[in-house]
Amino acid sequence: MDCGIITSKTVLLLLSLIFWAAGVALAYVGSYVIKSYNNFEDFVADKYSLIPAAIIIGVAVVMFVIGIIGCCATLKESKVGLGFFLLIILVIFAAEVTAFVFGFIYRGRIKGDLEKSMSDVFQKYDGLNGETHAVDYLQTQLECCGVQNYTDWTATPWYGQHNNSVPQSCCKANATQCSGLLSQPELLNTQGCESKLEQMLQGVLSYAMLVILGFAIIKLFGMFSICVITCRSRKHDYQPLYA
């Protein structure tokens, strides 16, 4: 059995295993969402919130089936099966390339999008609404205060209505005596949230793009491997991988 066929089949079998692994991971995520929903169903009025979880599990099943098709088609060298496998890989490869391009474009727009949206949310902070919870969570998790820096709070309605102080979520984690007054900057997180959030999003997006690129390269090798097997002369009619 020639080295090219062995390599091609190995790549395709590896690709099938990746589909299986991805299917198992998605099935776990979908099951976790459903389990979480069931634990708090008394607090959730919208029953349609289960739809995303059902879709995730459906995709997981499809990916698992695709992995089986790819594995069987590779071992049997079925032109029909490999052709179908190639079509699926092409579709997913195109989607990954599109996602990579959009990710690259969006990286340059993160800063501008954040600046406007964050300013609007901070202006709506009143200590009770949904924006309040979002801001408090952001400032606590990222250990930041304000958009550009902690003095940004002086331009918000909250500051004037609460004795010229910033929210408690601006206080440092170990600052038990923090009252939110700007006269005690040593007790506050003074760095703005925009730069920290931008850095975090840039990091997440960069990681996602690397993962997408890695999977795209694997699929590129997979497409090449299918071509090697299907275009092989039929006089070597069948060469099992273990030969």
Protein backbone atom coordinates (compact mmCIF):
# COMPACT_ATOMS: atom_id res chain seq x y z
CA MET A 1 0.00 0.00 0.00
CA ASP A 2 1.55 3.35 -1.03
CA CYS A 3 2.38 5.99 1.52
CA GLY A 4 0.03 8.57 -0.05
CA ILE A 5 -3.04 6.38 0.48
CA ILE A 6 -2.06 5.55 4.06
CA THR A 7 -1.56 9.24 4.86
CA SER A 8 -4.81 10.26 3.16
CA LYS A 9 -6.86 7.67 5.01
CA THR A 10 -5.23 8.56 8.31
CA VAL A 11 -6.10 12.24 7.82
CA LEU A 12 -9.72 11.40 6.96
CA LEU A 13 -10.08 9.09 9.95
CA LEU A 14 -8.65 11.82 12.17
CA LEU A 15 -11.15 14.27 10.67
CA SER A 16 -13.97 11.83 11.42
CA LEU A 17 -12.81 11.59 15.02
CA ILE A 18 -12.83 15.39 15.25
CA PHE A 19 -16.46 15.39 14.07
CA TRP A 20 -17.28 12.82 16.75
CA ALA A 21 -15.52 14.79 19.46
CA ALA A 22 -17.27 18.00 18.41
CA GLY A 23 -20.60 16.17 18.41
CA VAL A 24 -20.04 14.86 21.93
CA ALA A 25 -19.02 18.34 23.15
CA LEU A 26 -22.10 19.97 21.63
CA ALA A 27 -24.37 17.27 23.06
CA TYR A 28 -22.92 17.95 26.51
CA VAL A 29 -23.52 21.70 26.13
CA GLY A 30 -27.10 21.16 24.98
CA SER A 31 -27.81 18.75 27.83
CA TYR A 32 -26.29 21.17 30.33
CA VAL A 33 -28.54 23.99 29.10
CA ILE A 34 -31.64 21.80 29.40
CA LYS A 35 -30.61 20.63 32.88
CA SER A 36 -30.01 24.21 34.00
CA TYR A 37 -33.40 25.25 32.63
CA ASN A 38 -35.16 22.43 34.48
CA ASN A 39 -33.48 23.46 37.74
CA PHE A 40 -34.92 26.98 37.46
CA GLU A 41 -38.04 26.44 35.38
CA ASP A 42 -40.22 28.15 38.01
CA PHE A 43 -38.40 31.40 37.32
CA VAL A 44 -38.47 31.11 33.52
CA ALA A 45 -41.75 31.99 31.85
CA ASP A 46 -40.61 31.62 28.24
CA LYS A 47 -40.76 27.94 27.30
CA TYR A 48 -39.14 28.70 23.94
CA SER A 49 -35.81 29.18 25.70
CA LEU A 50 -35.27 25.43 25.22
CA ILE A 51 -35.13 25.83 21.43
CA PRO A 52 -31.41 26.77 21.29
CA ALA A 53 -30.53 23.72 23.41
CA ALA A 54 -32.59 21.48 21.11
CA ILE A 55 -30.81 22.95 18.07
CA ILE A 56 -27.40 22.35 19.67
CA ILE A 57 -28.25 18.69 20.34
CA GLY A 58 -29.57 18.35 16.78
CA VAL A 59 -26.32 19.70 15.36
CA ALA A 60 -24.38 17.33 17.63
CA VAL A 61 -26.29 14.34 16.23
CA VAL A 62 -25.65 15.51 12.65
CA MET A 63 -21.92 15.93 13.30
CA PHE A 64 -21.73 12.47 14.89
CA VAL A 65 -23.47 10.95 11.84
CA ILE A 66 -21.09 12.84 9.54
CA GLY A 67 -18.16 11.36 11.44
CA ILE A 68 -19.54 7.84 10.95
CA ILE A 69 -20.07 8.46 7.23
CA GLY A 70 -16.54 9.79 6.85
CA CYS A 71 -15.03 6.84 8.72
CA CYS A 72 -16.96 4.17 6.78
CA ALA A 73 -16.41 5.85 3.42
CA THR A 74 -12.69 6.11 4.10
CA LEU A 75 -12.22 2.50 5.14
CA LYS A 76 -14.30 1.17 2.21
CA GLU A 77 -13.04 3.80 -0.25
CA SER A 78 -16.60 4.46 -1.34
CA LYS A 79 -16.64 7.16 -3.99
CA VAL A 80 -20.24 8.06 -3.18
CA GLY A 81 -19.56 8.26 0.55
CA LEU A 82 -16.33 10.18 0.07
CA GLY A 83 -18.05 12.54 -2.36
CA PHE A 84 -20.75 13.27 0.21
CA PHE A 85 -18.09 13.70 2.90
CA LEU A 86 -16.19 16.08 0.61
CA LEU A 87 -19.34 18.16 0.02
CA ILE A 88 -19.96 18.48 3.76
CA ILE A 89 -16.32 19.43 4.40
CA LEU A 90 -16.49 22.05 1.63
CA VAL A 91 -19.60 23.63 3.17
CA ILE A 92 -18.08 23.71 6.65
CA PHE A 93 -14.74 24.95 5.24
CA ALA A 94 -16.53 27.83 3.47
CA ALA A 95 -18.37 28.71 6.70
CA GLU A 96 -15.11 28.68 8.66
CA VAL A 97 -13.35 30.89 6.13
CA THR A 98 -16.30 33.31 6.24
CA ALA A 99 -16.22 33.34 10.05
CA PHE A 100 -12.47 33.96 10.00
CA VAL A 101 -12.85 36.91 7.60
CA PHE A 102 -15.68 38.44 9.64
CA GLY A 103 -13.66 37.93 12.82
CA PHE A 104 -10.69 39.73 11.27
CA ILE A 105 -12.94 42.62 10.18
CA TYR A 106 -14.69 42.84 13.55
CA ARG A 107 -11.41 43.01 15.46
CA GLY A 108 -10.83 46.46 14.02
CA ARG A 109 -14.32 47.64 14.97
CA ILE A 110 -14.40 46.49 18.59
CA LYS A 111 -13.06 49.71 20.07
CA GLY A 112 -15.52 51.99 18.22
CA ASP A 113 -18.49 49.77 18.99
CA LEU A 114 -17.60 49.51 22.66
CA GLU A 115 -17.09 53.24 23.19
CA LYS A 116 -20.63 54.23 22.18
CA SER A 117 -22.51 51.26 23.62
CA MET A 118 -20.71 51.36 26.96
CA SER A 119 -21.32 55.10 27.38
CA ASP A 120 -25.04 54.60 26.79
CA VAL A 121 -25.27 51.75 29.30
CA PHE A 122 -23.36 53.64 32.00
CA GLN A 123 -25.65 56.66 31.55
CA LYS A 124 -28.68 54.46 32.28
CA TYR A 125 -27.25 53.13 35.53
CA ASP A 126 -29.72 53.73 38.37
CA GLY A 127 -28.96 50.91 40.82
CA LEU A 128 -32.01 48.83 39.90
CA ASN A 129 -32.45 48.20 36.17
CA GLY A 130 -30.86 45.64 33.87
CA GLU A 131 -28.12 48.04 32.84
CA THR A 132 -27.18 48.34 36.51
CA HIS A 133 -26.61 44.60 36.85
CA ALA A 134 -24.59 44.55 33.62
CA VAL A 135 -22.36 47.44 34.74
CA ASP A 136 -21.85 46.05 38.25
CA TYR A 137 -20.95 42.64 36.85
CA LEU A 138 -18.53 44.19 34.36
CA GLN A 139 -16.80 46.40 36.93
CA THR A 140 -16.55 43.60 39.47
CA GLN A 141 -15.25 40.95 37.08
CA LEU A 142 -12.75 43.18 35.27
CA GLU A 143 -11.85 45.25 38.36
CA CYS A 144 -12.46 48.52 36.53
CA CYS A 145 -14.51 51.68 36.96
CA GLY A 146 -16.11 53.93 34.36
CA VAL A 147 -15.63 53.83 30.60
CA GLN A 148 -12.23 55.50 30.18
CA ASN A 149 -11.46 55.85 33.90
CA TYR A 150 -13.25 56.24 37.24
CA THR A 151 -13.85 59.99 36.76
CA ASP A 152 -16.31 59.24 33.93
CA TRP A 153 -18.95 58.65 36.61
CA THR A 154 -19.04 62.41 37.31
CA ALA A 155 -20.90 62.87 34.00
CA THR A 156 -23.66 60.37 34.88
CA PRO A 157 -27.00 61.01 36.65
CA TRP A 158 -26.04 58.45 39.30
CA TYR A 159 -23.09 60.55 40.55
CA GLY A 160 -25.11 63.65 41.36
CA GLN A 161 -27.99 61.72 42.86
CA HIS A 162 -25.79 59.73 45.29
CA ASN A 163 -23.65 62.30 47.09
CA ASN A 164 -21.03 62.54 44.36
CA SER A 165 -20.00 58.92 44.68
CA VAL A 166 -19.42 56.03 42.29
CA PRO A 167 -21.10 52.60 42.62
CA GLN A 168 -19.76 50.08 45.12
CA SER A 169 -18.76 47.84 42.23
CA CYS A 170 -15.91 50.31 41.60
CA CYS A 171 -14.36 49.46 44.97
CA LYS A 172 -11.34 47.20 45.15
CA ALA A 173 -12.03 43.68 46.33
CA ASN A 174 -10.20 44.08 49.65
CA ALA A 175 -11.33 47.67 50.33
CA THR A 176 -13.87 47.13 53.11
CA GLN A 177 -13.94 50.83 54.02
CA CYS A 178 -14.71 51.98 50.48
CA SER A 179 -17.63 54.42 50.26
CA GLY A 180 -17.35 55.20 46.56
CA LEU A 181 -16.09 58.76 47.07
CA LEU A 182 -13.60 60.06 44.52
CA SER A 183 -11.58 61.54 47.35
CA GLN A 184 -10.46 57.98 48.18
CA PRO A 185 -8.93 56.83 44.87
CA GLU A 186 -6.68 54.36 46.67
CA LEU A 187 -9.81 52.31 47.50
CA LEU A 188 -11.16 52.36 43.95
CA ASN A 189 -10.35 50.58 40.73
CA THR A 190 -9.30 53.61 38.71
CA GLN A 191 -8.72 52.02 35.29
CA GLY A 192 -11.59 52.28 32.80
CA CYS A 193 -13.60 49.26 31.65
CA GLU A 194 -13.41 49.95 27.92
CA SER A 195 -9.72 49.14 27.54
CA LYS A 196 -10.00 46.01 29.71
CA LEU A 197 -13.10 44.74 27.93
CA GLU A 198 -11.56 45.49 24.55
CA GLN A 199 -8.44 43.57 25.53
CA MET A 200 -10.50 40.63 26.72
CA LEU A 201 -12.67 40.56 23.59
CA GLN A 202 -9.63 40.89 21.36
CA GLY A 203 -8.05 37.94 23.15
CA VAL A 204 -11.18 35.78 22.89
CA LEU A 205 -11.65 36.68 19.23
CA SER A 206 -7.99 35.99 18.44
CA TYR A 207 -8.22 32.60 20.15
CA ALA A 208 -11.41 31.78 18.26
CA MET A 209 -9.81 32.78 14.95
CA LEU A 210 -6.80 30.56 15.64
CA VAL A 211 -9.11 27.63 16.39
CA ILE A 212 -11.10 28.30 13.21
CA LEU A 213 -7.90 28.54 11.18
CA GLY A 214 -6.62 25.28 12.64
CA PHE A 215 -9.83 23.42 11.81
CA ALA A 216 -9.87 24.95 8.32
CA ILE A 217 -6.32 23.72 7.64
CA ILE A 218 -7.28 20.22 8.83
CA LYS A 219 -10.29 20.24 6.50
CA LEU A 220 -8.07 21.43 3.64
CA PHE A 221 -5.87 18.37 4.15
CA GLY A 222 -9.05 16.29 4.39
CA MET A 223 -10.28 17.53 0.99
CA PHE A 224 -6.89 16.84 -0.54
CA SER A 225 -6.89 13.35 0.99
CA ILE A 226 -10.32 12.58 -0.49
CA CYS A 227 -9.07 13.65 -3.90
CA VAL A 228 -6.03 11.38 -3.55
CA ILE A 229 -8.20 8.36 -2.72
CA THR A 230 -10.99 8.95 -5.26
CA CYS A 231 -8.61 9.82 -8.10
CA ARG A 232 -6.45 6.75 -7.52
CA SER A 233 -6.38 4.28 -10.36
CA ARG A 234 -9.10 1.64 -10.03
CA LYS A 235 -6.62 -1.11 -10.78
CA HIS A 236 -5.65 -0.85 -7.11
CA ASP A 237 -9.30 -1.42 -6.35
CA TYR A 238 -9.23 -1.62 -2.57
CA GLN A 239 -6.46 -1.03 -0.08
CA PRO A 240 -7.52 -1.36 3.53
CA LEU A 241 -5.76 0.89 5.98
CA TYR A 242 -4.32 -2.01 7.94
CA ALA A 243 -2.72 -3.68 4.89
